[in-house]
Structure formats: structure tokens, C-alpha cells
Amino acid sequence: MRKLSVILAVLTVLVFSGSVFAEGMPVDKGSMMASGGFSFTSYGGDYYKDSDDNSMTVFTINPSVASFVIPGLAVGADFVFSSQSQGDYKTTVFGVGPMFKYYVNMNAEATEAKGLIYPYIGAQFIYQSMKNEYPVGDDITNKTTQFGFDVGVVYMVSEAVGIFGEAGLDLPSFKS
């Protein structure tokens, strides 16, 4: 449990570290980006409870880091950690893979980032290990891959922090 706590603490620092930019604008060559998301969900009620009356909980964290290799093109890595439990049943997922995003600079003459909007398109590939732990019988570990595509916008609330809005499509593939 301590190892899991340390991993979650490090990932949380990555997620909340904000964006760090080189001199110039956020999408200029040499700028760095740290982003991500997290969620905690507790499912209850008769629909989600198992035969022993256990509800389900899910915790997910997915940080990303990237560097702009040319103006507008960010290349980096996505990371995934997810834990789902219901009674004595537990599923844990770890994943990592490359990501690419292209940001459109709609105002190249701007001298400050605050208030700017950057539309973008992106793609990523994630390799994941999913471990299912059962109360009786053998645990099962699956290897999965996932291609993802997304479109979105970033609204810059300051020179170094932006709010993302994104829609995407994920195409998973499972292998036992």
C-alpha cells in the first residue's frame, strides 16, 4: 500500500504542476506542457451492487507531459493509472505511451498568452497492463493497447496555465 501511495503522490505532483513554458508563447518550439486529469467515482444503488451488496469504486489518474518540437506540435507521453474495486474483486491498470498534439496558433502576433484560445487535434497510443484480482481462483493479467484520437481547445487563463476542453475516440484492443 505504501508503494501505491508514493506512486499516486508523484503522479499527483505531475498533474498539478501546471504548464511550464520556455520564453515566448505556449505553443512555440521548446515550450513544455504538463497536463492530465483524475476522477473518483463511487457507484451505488441496486443497479451497481453485487450479490453481497458491495458498491463499486473507481479511481483514475492520467497525467501527460510533452515538449513542442516545432511551433504548434507537441510530442510527449501519456500515463494511466486506474483502480476499480467491488467487494473482494479488484482491477488495476497501468499504462504508458506516446502522444502527439498539433495546436493551431490563431493569433501569431499576440505578445501575451492570457486569453488566447488554441484549437488542437491529437493522437496517442497506450500500452496497458490490466490485473484482475478475484477472491477465489487465479488472478488474471491482460495486456491491452489503445489508440486514441481527440480534438479540443485550450483557453489560456494566464501566461502558463490553460483549461482544456476535449472530445475523443478511444479504440482499445484486449489480449489475455
N, C-alpha and C. Protein backbone atom coordinates (compact mmCIF):
# COMPACT_ATOMS: atom_id res chain seq x y z
N MET A 1 0.82 -1.19 0.00
CA MET A 1 0.00 0.00 0.00
C MET A 1 0.87 1.26 0.00
N ARG A 2 2.00 1.22 0.71
CA ARG A 2 2.89 2.37 0.76
C ARG A 2 3.43 2.68 -0.64
N LYS A 3 3.79 1.64 -1.40
CA LYS A 3 4.30 1.84 -2.75
C LYS A 3 3.25 2.53 -3.62
N LEU A 4 1.99 2.10 -3.50
CA LEU A 4 0.91 2.71 -4.25
C LEU A 4 0.74 4.17 -3.85
N SER A 5 0.85 4.48 -2.58
CA SER A 5 0.72 5.85 -2.10
C SER A 5 1.81 6.75 -2.67
N VAL A 6 3.03 6.25 -2.73
CA VAL A 6 4.14 7.02 -3.29
C VAL A 6 3.91 7.28 -4.78
N ILE A 7 3.48 6.25 -5.51
CA ILE A 7 3.21 6.40 -6.94
C ILE A 7 2.13 7.45 -7.16
N LEU A 8 1.04 7.36 -6.39
CA LEU A 8 -0.05 8.33 -6.54
C LEU A 8 0.40 9.74 -6.19
N ALA A 9 1.25 9.89 -5.18
CA ALA A 9 1.75 11.22 -4.81
C ALA A 9 2.58 11.82 -5.94
N VAL A 10 3.46 11.02 -6.54
CA VAL A 10 4.29 11.51 -7.64
C VAL A 10 3.43 11.89 -8.84
N LEU A 11 2.44 11.05 -9.18
CA LEU A 11 1.57 11.36 -10.30
C LEU A 11 0.74 12.61 -10.03
N THR A 12 0.30 12.78 -8.81
CA THR A 12 -0.48 13.97 -8.45
C THR A 12 0.36 15.23 -8.62
N VAL A 13 1.62 15.19 -8.21
CA VAL A 13 2.51 16.34 -8.40
C VAL A 13 2.65 16.66 -9.88
N LEU A 14 2.79 15.62 -10.72
CA LEU A 14 2.88 15.85 -12.16
C LEU A 14 1.62 16.52 -12.70
N VAL A 15 0.46 16.04 -12.27
CA VAL A 15 -0.79 16.58 -12.76
C VAL A 15 -0.98 18.03 -12.35
N PHE A 16 -0.67 18.35 -11.10
CA PHE A 16 -0.93 19.69 -10.59
C PHE A 16 0.25 20.64 -10.75
N SER A 17 1.31 20.23 -11.44
CA SER A 17 2.45 21.11 -11.59
C SER A 17 2.18 22.23 -12.59
N GLY A 18 1.10 22.13 -13.35
CA GLY A 18 0.76 23.17 -14.31
C GLY A 18 1.65 23.06 -15.53
N SER A 19 1.61 24.07 -16.34
CA SER A 19 2.41 24.09 -17.55
C SER A 19 3.61 24.99 -17.35
N VAL A 20 4.74 24.55 -17.84
CA VAL A 20 5.96 25.33 -17.77
C VAL A 20 6.36 25.67 -19.19
N PHE A 21 6.55 26.93 -19.47
CA PHE A 21 6.84 27.34 -20.84
C PHE A 21 8.21 28.01 -20.94
N ALA A 22 8.85 27.79 -22.08
CA ALA A 22 10.09 28.49 -22.39
C ALA A 22 9.73 29.94 -22.72
N GLU A 23 10.75 30.74 -23.01
CA GLU A 23 10.46 32.11 -23.42
C GLU A 23 9.61 32.09 -24.66
N GLY A 24 8.73 33.05 -24.77
CA GLY A 24 7.84 33.11 -25.92
C GLY A 24 6.45 32.61 -25.56
N MET A 25 5.71 32.17 -26.56
CA MET A 25 4.32 31.76 -26.40
C MET A 25 4.23 30.26 -26.06
N PRO A 26 3.08 29.83 -25.51
CA PRO A 26 2.93 28.45 -25.05
C PRO A 26 3.15 27.38 -26.12
N VAL A 27 2.85 27.67 -27.39
CA VAL A 27 3.00 26.63 -28.42
C VAL A 27 4.26 26.81 -29.25
N ASP A 28 5.19 27.66 -28.81
CA ASP A 28 6.46 27.84 -29.52
C ASP A 28 7.38 26.65 -29.32
N LYS A 29 8.29 26.46 -30.26
CA LYS A 29 9.29 25.40 -30.14
C LYS A 29 10.05 25.57 -28.82
N GLY A 30 10.23 24.45 -28.09
CA GLY A 30 10.95 24.48 -26.83
C GLY A 30 10.06 24.60 -25.60
N SER A 31 8.78 24.96 -25.79
CA SER A 31 7.87 25.03 -24.66
C SER A 31 7.56 23.63 -24.16
N MET A 32 7.28 23.54 -22.87
CA MET A 32 6.92 22.25 -22.25
C MET A 32 5.48 22.34 -21.76
N MET A 33 4.84 21.16 -21.72
CA MET A 33 3.46 21.12 -21.26
C MET A 33 3.28 19.93 -20.31
N ALA A 34 2.63 20.17 -19.18
CA ALA A 34 2.23 19.10 -18.26
C ALA A 34 0.73 19.24 -18.07
N SER A 35 0.02 18.14 -18.26
CA SER A 35 -1.44 18.19 -18.15
C SER A 35 -1.95 16.85 -17.66
N GLY A 36 -3.23 16.74 -17.51
CA GLY A 36 -3.81 15.47 -17.10
C GLY A 36 -5.14 15.66 -16.43
N GLY A 37 -5.63 14.55 -15.92
CA GLY A 37 -6.91 14.58 -15.23
C GLY A 37 -6.98 13.46 -14.22
N PHE A 38 -7.99 13.53 -13.38
CA PHE A 38 -8.21 12.46 -12.41
C PHE A 38 -9.69 12.38 -12.10
N SER A 39 -10.11 11.22 -11.63
CA SER A 39 -11.51 11.08 -11.22
C SER A 39 -11.62 10.04 -10.11
N PHE A 40 -12.62 10.23 -9.29
CA PHE A 40 -13.01 9.26 -8.28
C PHE A 40 -14.51 9.11 -8.38
N THR A 41 -14.97 7.88 -8.55
CA THR A 41 -16.39 7.63 -8.70
C THR A 41 -16.80 6.50 -7.77
N SER A 42 -17.89 6.71 -7.08
CA SER A 42 -18.47 5.66 -6.23
C SER A 42 -19.85 5.35 -6.78
N TYR A 43 -20.01 4.11 -7.26
CA TYR A 43 -21.29 3.68 -7.82
C TYR A 43 -22.09 2.98 -6.73
N GLY A 44 -23.33 3.36 -6.57
CA GLY A 44 -24.17 2.74 -5.56
C GLY A 44 -25.54 2.44 -6.12
N GLY A 45 -26.42 2.04 -5.26
CA GLY A 45 -27.77 1.70 -5.69
C GLY A 45 -27.85 0.26 -6.14
N ASP A 46 -29.07 -0.21 -6.32
CA ASP A 46 -29.30 -1.61 -6.67
C ASP A 46 -28.65 -2.01 -7.99
N TYR A 47 -28.59 -1.09 -8.94
CA TYR A 47 -28.05 -1.42 -10.26
C TYR A 47 -26.56 -1.78 -10.20
N TYR A 48 -25.80 -1.14 -9.33
CA TYR A 48 -24.36 -1.33 -9.29
C TYR A 48 -23.88 -2.28 -8.21
N LYS A 49 -24.71 -2.64 -7.27
CA LYS A 49 -24.27 -3.52 -6.18
C LYS A 49 -24.22 -4.96 -6.63
N ASP A 50 -23.23 -5.71 -6.09
CA ASP A 50 -23.13 -7.13 -6.42
C ASP A 50 -24.02 -7.95 -5.48
N SER A 51 -23.92 -9.29 -5.59
CA SER A 51 -24.79 -10.17 -4.80
C SER A 51 -24.53 -10.07 -3.29
N ASP A 52 -23.35 -9.55 -2.89
CA ASP A 52 -23.05 -9.36 -1.47
C ASP A 52 -23.34 -7.94 -1.01
N ASP A 53 -24.05 -7.15 -1.84
CA ASP A 53 -24.44 -5.78 -1.52
C ASP A 53 -23.25 -4.81 -1.49
N ASN A 54 -22.15 -5.12 -2.21
CA ASN A 54 -20.98 -4.24 -2.29
C ASN A 54 -21.16 -3.24 -3.42
N SER A 55 -20.88 -1.97 -3.15
CA SER A 55 -20.89 -0.97 -4.21
C SER A 55 -19.52 -0.96 -4.89
N MET A 56 -19.42 -0.25 -6.01
CA MET A 56 -18.19 -0.21 -6.80
C MET A 56 -17.56 1.17 -6.70
N THR A 57 -16.22 1.21 -6.60
CA THR A 57 -15.48 2.48 -6.63
C THR A 57 -14.42 2.41 -7.72
N VAL A 58 -14.19 3.55 -8.35
CA VAL A 58 -13.19 3.65 -9.42
C VAL A 58 -12.38 4.92 -9.18
N PHE A 59 -11.05 4.79 -9.23
CA PHE A 59 -10.13 5.93 -9.13
C PHE A 59 -9.23 5.90 -10.34
N THR A 60 -9.12 7.02 -11.04
CA THR A 60 -8.29 7.10 -12.25
C THR A 60 -7.47 8.39 -12.23
N ILE A 61 -6.22 8.29 -12.67
CA ILE A 61 -5.35 9.46 -12.83
C ILE A 61 -4.59 9.26 -14.14
N ASN A 62 -4.52 10.32 -14.96
CA ASN A 62 -3.85 10.19 -16.26
C ASN A 62 -3.07 11.46 -16.63
N PRO A 63 -1.85 11.58 -16.12
CA PRO A 63 -1.01 12.73 -16.47
C PRO A 63 -0.36 12.57 -17.85
N SER A 64 0.01 13.70 -18.42
CA SER A 64 0.73 13.75 -19.70
C SER A 64 1.83 14.80 -19.60
N VAL A 65 2.92 14.55 -20.28
CA VAL A 65 3.99 15.54 -20.42
C VAL A 65 4.39 15.59 -21.89
N ALA A 66 4.73 16.80 -22.37
CA ALA A 66 5.08 16.95 -23.78
C ALA A 66 6.00 18.14 -23.96
N SER A 67 6.70 18.13 -25.09
CA SER A 67 7.57 19.22 -25.49
C SER A 67 7.19 19.63 -26.92
N PHE A 68 7.19 20.91 -27.18
CA PHE A 68 6.91 21.39 -28.54
C PHE A 68 8.20 21.31 -29.36
N VAL A 69 8.20 20.42 -30.35
CA VAL A 69 9.39 20.18 -31.16
C VAL A 69 9.49 21.15 -32.33
N ILE A 70 8.38 21.64 -32.79
CA ILE A 70 8.28 22.74 -33.75
C ILE A 70 7.09 23.58 -33.30
N PRO A 71 6.94 24.81 -33.78
CA PRO A 71 5.78 25.59 -33.34
C PRO A 71 4.46 24.85 -33.59
N GLY A 72 3.70 24.65 -32.52
CA GLY A 72 2.39 24.01 -32.60
C GLY A 72 2.36 22.51 -32.39
N LEU A 73 3.48 21.80 -32.59
CA LEU A 73 3.49 20.33 -32.49
C LEU A 73 4.11 19.87 -31.18
N ALA A 74 3.27 19.29 -30.31
CA ALA A 74 3.72 18.76 -29.02
C ALA A 74 3.87 17.25 -29.14
N VAL A 75 5.02 16.74 -28.70
CA VAL A 75 5.30 15.30 -28.68
C VAL A 75 5.63 14.93 -27.24
N GLY A 76 5.02 13.87 -26.74
CA GLY A 76 5.27 13.51 -25.35
C GLY A 76 4.76 12.14 -24.99
N ALA A 77 4.36 11.98 -23.74
CA ALA A 77 3.91 10.69 -23.22
C ALA A 77 2.66 10.85 -22.37
N ASP A 78 1.76 9.89 -22.52
CA ASP A 78 0.58 9.78 -21.67
C ASP A 78 0.80 8.64 -20.68
N PHE A 79 0.31 8.81 -19.47
CA PHE A 79 0.39 7.78 -18.44
C PHE A 79 -1.01 7.52 -17.90
N VAL A 80 -1.28 6.28 -17.50
CA VAL A 80 -2.60 5.92 -16.98
C VAL A 80 -2.43 5.07 -15.73
N PHE A 81 -3.20 5.39 -14.70
CA PHE A 81 -3.35 4.50 -13.54
C PHE A 81 -4.83 4.49 -13.20
N SER A 82 -5.39 3.29 -13.06
CA SER A 82 -6.79 3.17 -12.70
C SER A 82 -6.96 1.99 -11.75
N SER A 83 -7.82 2.18 -10.76
CA SER A 83 -8.11 1.12 -9.81
C SER A 83 -9.62 1.06 -9.62
N GLN A 84 -10.17 -0.14 -9.79
CA GLN A 84 -11.60 -0.37 -9.62
C GLN A 84 -11.78 -1.49 -8.61
N SER A 85 -12.68 -1.32 -7.66
CA SER A 85 -12.90 -2.38 -6.68
C SER A 85 -14.39 -2.51 -6.36
N GLN A 86 -14.76 -3.74 -6.05
CA GLN A 86 -16.12 -4.04 -5.64
C GLN A 86 -16.04 -5.28 -4.76
N GLY A 87 -16.19 -5.09 -3.46
CA GLY A 87 -16.03 -6.21 -2.53
C GLY A 87 -14.60 -6.72 -2.57
N ASP A 88 -14.42 -8.03 -2.77
CA ASP A 88 -13.09 -8.64 -2.84
C ASP A 88 -12.51 -8.64 -4.26
N TYR A 89 -13.24 -8.14 -5.23
CA TYR A 89 -12.78 -8.09 -6.62
C TYR A 89 -12.10 -6.75 -6.86
N LYS A 90 -10.95 -6.78 -7.57
CA LYS A 90 -10.20 -5.55 -7.84
C LYS A 90 -9.55 -5.63 -9.22
N THR A 91 -9.58 -4.52 -9.93
CA THR A 91 -8.89 -4.40 -11.22
C THR A 91 -7.96 -3.21 -11.13
N THR A 92 -6.70 -3.40 -11.53
CA THR A 92 -5.71 -2.33 -11.54
C THR A 92 -5.12 -2.22 -12.93
N VAL A 93 -5.02 -1.00 -13.44
CA VAL A 93 -4.48 -0.76 -14.79
C VAL A 93 -3.33 0.23 -14.70
N PHE A 94 -2.21 -0.12 -15.33
CA PHE A 94 -1.08 0.80 -15.52
C PHE A 94 -0.84 0.90 -17.02
N GLY A 95 -0.58 2.12 -17.52
CA GLY A 95 -0.34 2.27 -18.94
C GLY A 95 0.57 3.45 -19.24
N VAL A 96 1.22 3.37 -20.40
CA VAL A 96 2.10 4.44 -20.87
C VAL A 96 2.19 4.37 -22.38
N GLY A 97 2.39 5.52 -23.01
CA GLY A 97 2.56 5.52 -24.46
C GLY A 97 2.78 6.91 -25.01
N PRO A 98 3.17 6.99 -26.29
CA PRO A 98 3.44 8.28 -26.92
C PRO A 98 2.16 9.04 -27.25
N MET A 99 2.27 10.36 -27.27
CA MET A 99 1.15 11.21 -27.68
C MET A 99 1.67 12.34 -28.56
N PHE A 100 0.81 12.78 -29.46
CA PHE A 100 1.12 13.87 -30.37
C PHE A 100 -0.09 14.80 -30.41
N LYS A 101 0.14 16.10 -30.33
CA LYS A 101 -0.94 17.08 -30.46
C LYS A 101 -0.45 18.23 -31.32
N TYR A 102 -1.32 18.67 -32.23
CA TYR A 102 -1.00 19.84 -33.04
C TYR A 102 -1.95 20.97 -32.67
N TYR A 103 -1.38 22.08 -32.20
CA TYR A 103 -2.13 23.25 -31.77
C TYR A 103 -2.09 24.31 -32.86
N VAL A 104 -3.23 24.88 -33.18
CA VAL A 104 -3.32 25.94 -34.19
C VAL A 104 -3.18 27.29 -33.48
N ASN A 105 -2.16 28.04 -33.88
CA ASN A 105 -1.95 29.37 -33.32
C ASN A 105 -2.76 30.36 -34.15
N MET A 106 -3.93 30.73 -33.63
CA MET A 106 -4.84 31.61 -34.38
C MET A 106 -4.46 33.08 -34.28
N ASN A 107 -3.49 33.41 -33.43
CA ASN A 107 -3.09 34.80 -33.26
C ASN A 107 -1.57 34.86 -33.09
N ALA A 108 -0.86 34.65 -34.18
CA ALA A 108 0.61 34.58 -34.14
C ALA A 108 1.26 35.90 -33.72
N GLU A 109 0.55 37.02 -33.86
CA GLU A 109 1.12 38.32 -33.50
C GLU A 109 0.96 38.64 -32.01
N ALA A 110 0.24 37.83 -31.26
CA ALA A 110 -0.01 38.12 -29.84
C ALA A 110 1.31 38.14 -29.07
N THR A 111 1.37 39.03 -28.09
CA THR A 111 2.58 39.14 -27.26
C THR A 111 2.38 38.57 -25.86
N GLU A 112 1.14 38.22 -25.51
CA GLU A 112 0.90 37.55 -24.23
C GLU A 112 -0.15 36.46 -24.46
N ALA A 113 -0.03 35.38 -23.68
CA ALA A 113 -0.87 34.20 -23.88
C ALA A 113 -2.23 34.31 -23.21
N LYS A 114 -2.33 35.06 -22.12
CA LYS A 114 -3.58 35.13 -21.37
C LYS A 114 -4.73 35.54 -22.28
N GLY A 115 -5.81 34.71 -22.24
CA GLY A 115 -6.99 34.98 -23.05
C GLY A 115 -6.99 34.35 -24.43
N LEU A 116 -5.86 33.79 -24.85
CA LEU A 116 -5.81 33.17 -26.17
C LEU A 116 -6.49 31.80 -26.15
N ILE A 117 -6.97 31.38 -27.31
CA ILE A 117 -7.58 30.07 -27.50
C ILE A 117 -6.78 29.32 -28.56
N TYR A 118 -6.39 28.08 -28.23
CA TYR A 118 -5.64 27.23 -29.15
C TYR A 118 -6.44 25.97 -29.46
N PRO A 119 -7.06 25.87 -30.66
CA PRO A 119 -7.68 24.61 -31.05
C PRO A 119 -6.58 23.57 -31.33
N TYR A 120 -6.91 22.29 -31.16
CA TYR A 120 -5.90 21.26 -31.43
C TYR A 120 -6.54 19.94 -31.86
N ILE A 121 -5.71 19.11 -32.47
CA ILE A 121 -6.06 17.72 -32.77
C ILE A 121 -4.92 16.88 -32.20
N GLY A 122 -5.23 15.65 -31.83
CA GLY A 122 -4.20 14.82 -31.23
C GLY A 122 -4.43 13.34 -31.46
N ALA A 123 -3.38 12.58 -31.19
CA ALA A 123 -3.45 11.12 -31.28
C ALA A 123 -2.51 10.56 -30.23
N GLN A 124 -2.85 9.36 -29.74
CA GLN A 124 -1.99 8.69 -28.77
C GLN A 124 -2.14 7.19 -28.90
N PHE A 125 -1.13 6.49 -28.42
CA PHE A 125 -1.13 5.04 -28.36
C PHE A 125 -0.71 4.67 -26.94
N ILE A 126 -1.52 3.86 -26.27
CA ILE A 126 -1.24 3.47 -24.89
C ILE A 126 -1.08 1.96 -24.81
N TYR A 127 -0.02 1.50 -24.17
CA TYR A 127 0.17 0.09 -23.85
C TYR A 127 -0.15 -0.06 -22.37
N GLN A 128 -1.08 -0.98 -22.05
CA GLN A 128 -1.54 -1.11 -20.67
C GLN A 128 -1.42 -2.54 -20.17
N SER A 129 -1.24 -2.66 -18.88
CA SER A 129 -1.30 -3.95 -18.19
C SER A 129 -2.48 -3.87 -17.22
N MET A 130 -3.42 -4.81 -17.36
CA MET A 130 -4.62 -4.83 -16.53
C MET A 130 -4.62 -6.11 -15.70
N LYS A 131 -4.62 -5.95 -14.38
CA LYS A 131 -4.63 -7.10 -13.48
C LYS A 131 -5.98 -7.20 -12.78
N ASN A 132 -6.64 -8.35 -12.94
CA ASN A 132 -7.91 -8.63 -12.28
C ASN A 132 -7.65 -9.58 -11.12
N GLU A 133 -7.99 -9.14 -9.91
CA GLU A 133 -7.78 -9.95 -8.71
C GLU A 133 -9.14 -10.44 -8.21
N TYR A 134 -9.28 -11.76 -8.12
CA TYR A 134 -10.53 -12.38 -7.70
C TYR A 134 -10.39 -12.96 -6.30
N PRO A 135 -11.48 -12.99 -5.51
CA PRO A 135 -11.40 -13.56 -4.16
C PRO A 135 -11.16 -15.06 -4.16
N VAL A 136 -11.59 -15.76 -5.20
CA VAL A 136 -11.41 -17.20 -5.33
C VAL A 136 -10.84 -17.46 -6.72
N GLY A 137 -9.84 -18.33 -6.81
CA GLY A 137 -9.26 -18.65 -8.11
C GLY A 137 -8.04 -17.80 -8.42
N ASP A 138 -7.56 -17.96 -9.64
CA ASP A 138 -6.34 -17.27 -10.06
C ASP A 138 -6.63 -15.85 -10.53
N ASP A 139 -5.68 -14.98 -10.26
CA ASP A 139 -5.74 -13.62 -10.79
C ASP A 139 -5.42 -13.68 -12.28
N ILE A 140 -5.92 -12.73 -13.04
CA ILE A 140 -5.70 -12.70 -14.48
C ILE A 140 -5.08 -11.36 -14.85
N THR A 141 -4.01 -11.40 -15.65
CA THR A 141 -3.38 -10.18 -16.15
C THR A 141 -3.53 -10.16 -17.66
N ASN A 142 -4.05 -9.05 -18.18
CA ASN A 142 -4.22 -8.85 -19.61
C ASN A 142 -3.34 -7.70 -20.08
N LYS A 143 -2.86 -7.82 -21.29
CA LYS A 143 -2.13 -6.73 -21.93
C LYS A 143 -3.08 -6.11 -22.94
N THR A 144 -3.20 -4.81 -22.91
CA THR A 144 -4.09 -4.13 -23.84
C THR A 144 -3.34 -2.99 -24.53
N THR A 145 -3.83 -2.64 -25.69
CA THR A 145 -3.34 -1.47 -26.39
C THR A 145 -4.55 -0.60 -26.72
N GLN A 146 -4.29 0.67 -26.90
CA GLN A 146 -5.39 1.58 -27.18
C GLN A 146 -4.90 2.72 -28.04
N PHE A 147 -5.53 2.91 -29.18
CA PHE A 147 -5.31 4.09 -30.00
C PHE A 147 -6.36 5.11 -29.61
N GLY A 148 -5.98 6.37 -29.60
CA GLY A 148 -6.95 7.41 -29.29
C GLY A 148 -6.74 8.61 -30.18
N PHE A 149 -7.83 9.27 -30.48
CA PHE A 149 -7.82 10.48 -31.29
C PHE A 149 -8.68 11.52 -30.58
N ASP A 150 -8.24 12.77 -30.60
CA ASP A 150 -9.02 13.80 -29.92
C ASP A 150 -8.94 15.14 -30.64
N VAL A 151 -9.94 15.96 -30.38
CA VAL A 151 -9.98 17.35 -30.84
C VAL A 151 -10.38 18.18 -29.63
N GLY A 152 -9.90 19.40 -29.59
CA GLY A 152 -10.25 20.23 -28.45
C GLY A 152 -9.74 21.64 -28.58
N VAL A 153 -9.89 22.38 -27.49
CA VAL A 153 -9.39 23.74 -27.40
C VAL A 153 -8.76 23.94 -26.03
N VAL A 154 -7.78 24.84 -25.99
CA VAL A 154 -7.19 25.26 -24.73
C VAL A 154 -7.44 26.76 -24.62
N TYR A 155 -8.01 27.15 -23.48
CA TYR A 155 -8.19 28.57 -23.18
C TYR A 155 -7.14 28.94 -22.15
N MET A 156 -6.27 29.89 -22.47
CA MET A 156 -5.19 30.30 -21.59
C MET A 156 -5.71 31.27 -20.54
N VAL A 157 -5.74 30.83 -19.28
CA VAL A 157 -6.21 31.69 -18.19
C VAL A 157 -5.08 32.55 -17.63
N SER A 158 -3.83 32.20 -17.95
CA SER A 158 -2.67 33.02 -17.59
C SER A 158 -1.59 32.74 -18.63
N GLU A 159 -0.41 33.25 -18.40
CA GLU A 159 0.69 33.01 -19.33
C GLU A 159 1.14 31.55 -19.33
N ALA A 160 0.87 30.82 -18.25
CA ALA A 160 1.39 29.46 -18.13
C ALA A 160 0.34 28.40 -17.81
N VAL A 161 -0.93 28.77 -17.69
CA VAL A 161 -1.97 27.80 -17.33
C VAL A 161 -3.13 27.91 -18.31
N GLY A 162 -3.56 26.76 -18.82
CA GLY A 162 -4.69 26.72 -19.72
C GLY A 162 -5.72 25.70 -19.27
N ILE A 163 -6.97 25.93 -19.66
CA ILE A 163 -8.06 24.99 -19.38
C ILE A 163 -8.39 24.27 -20.68
N PHE A 164 -8.37 22.92 -20.61
CA PHE A 164 -8.64 22.10 -21.78
C PHE A 164 -10.11 21.71 -21.85
N GLY A 165 -10.65 21.69 -23.06
CA GLY A 165 -11.94 21.08 -23.36
C GLY A 165 -11.68 20.13 -24.52
N GLU A 166 -12.09 18.87 -24.39
CA GLU A 166 -11.68 17.87 -25.37
C GLU A 166 -12.77 16.83 -25.60
N ALA A 167 -12.87 16.36 -26.83
CA ALA A 167 -13.71 15.22 -27.19
C ALA A 167 -12.80 14.22 -27.90
N GLY A 168 -13.01 12.93 -27.65
CA GLY A 168 -12.11 11.96 -28.23
C GLY A 168 -12.76 10.64 -28.53
N LEU A 169 -12.02 9.80 -29.22
CA LEU A 169 -12.42 8.45 -29.57
C LEU A 169 -11.29 7.52 -29.19
N ASP A 170 -11.58 6.50 -28.38
CA ASP A 170 -10.58 5.50 -28.00
C ASP A 170 -10.93 4.17 -28.63
N LEU A 171 -9.91 3.50 -29.17
CA LEU A 171 -10.09 2.21 -29.82
C LEU A 171 -9.24 1.17 -29.13
N PRO A 172 -9.79 0.49 -28.11
CA PRO A 172 -9.00 -0.49 -27.33
C PRO A 172 -8.91 -1.84 -28.01
N SER A 173 -7.86 -2.58 -27.67
CA SER A 173 -7.66 -3.95 -28.12
C SER A 173 -7.18 -4.76 -26.93
N PHE A 174 -7.86 -5.88 -26.61
CA PHE A 174 -7.53 -6.69 -25.43
C PHE A 174 -6.90 -8.01 -25.86
N LYS A 175 -5.86 -8.42 -25.10
CA LYS A 175 -5.24 -9.74 -25.29
C LYS A 175 -5.00 -10.35 -23.91
N SER A 176 -5.35 -11.61 -23.76
CA SER A 176 -5.15 -12.29 -22.46
C SER A 176 -3.74 -12.79 -22.34
